[in-house]
Protein backbone atom coordinates (compact mmCIF):
# COMPACT_ATOMS: atom_id res chain seq x y z
CA MET A 1 1.76 -38.56 -85.69
CA GLY A 2 0.02 -35.81 -88.29
CA SER A 3 0.76 -32.05 -87.74
CA VAL A 4 -1.31 -29.89 -85.33
CA GLU A 5 -3.53 -28.89 -87.70
CA GLU A 6 -5.04 -32.65 -87.96
CA ILE A 7 -4.78 -32.94 -84.28
CA MET A 8 -6.36 -30.11 -83.23
CA PRO A 9 -10.33 -30.65 -84.76
CA VAL A 10 -9.77 -33.83 -82.95
CA VAL A 11 -8.94 -32.45 -79.38
CA GLU A 12 -11.98 -29.74 -80.21
CA ASP A 13 -14.29 -32.69 -80.52
CA LYS A 14 -12.97 -34.54 -77.74
CA ARG A 15 -13.42 -31.49 -75.63
CA ARG A 16 -17.34 -30.77 -76.66
CA LEU A 17 -18.34 -34.09 -76.09
CA CYS A 18 -16.79 -34.16 -72.45
CA LEU A 19 -18.27 -30.69 -72.25
CA GLN A 20 -21.64 -32.52 -73.49
CA ILE A 21 -21.21 -35.60 -71.26
CA MET A 22 -20.27 -33.50 -67.96
CA GLY A 23 -23.19 -30.95 -68.77
CA SER A 24 -25.94 -33.55 -69.13
CA TRP A 25 -24.55 -35.16 -66.00
CA ALA A 26 -24.96 -32.41 -64.00
CA THR A 27 -28.47 -31.70 -64.82
CA ARG A 28 -28.88 -34.86 -64.47
CA LEU A 29 -27.97 -34.51 -60.75
CA LYS A 30 -29.15 -31.59 -60.16
CA HIS A 31 -32.70 -33.29 -60.78
CA LEU A 32 -31.95 -35.86 -58.80
CA ALA A 33 -30.97 -33.32 -55.77
CA LEU A 34 -34.40 -32.03 -56.56
CA TRP A 35 -36.16 -34.90 -56.02
CA ASP A 36 -34.33 -35.64 -53.11
CA THR A 37 -35.36 -32.47 -51.18
CA SER A 38 -38.63 -32.56 -52.63
CA PRO A 39 -41.95 -33.32 -50.84
CA TYR A 40 -43.06 -36.16 -52.91
CA GLY A 41 -40.21 -38.12 -52.89
């Protein structure tokens, strides 16, 4: 295993990627909920 200085940037990148994925899923679910409650559905 590398030093903490080498690992931390990787952890930050993974966390940022996870946040992006979760954010995109949240917006997608929100759009689906809007479609379900809209009178056009």
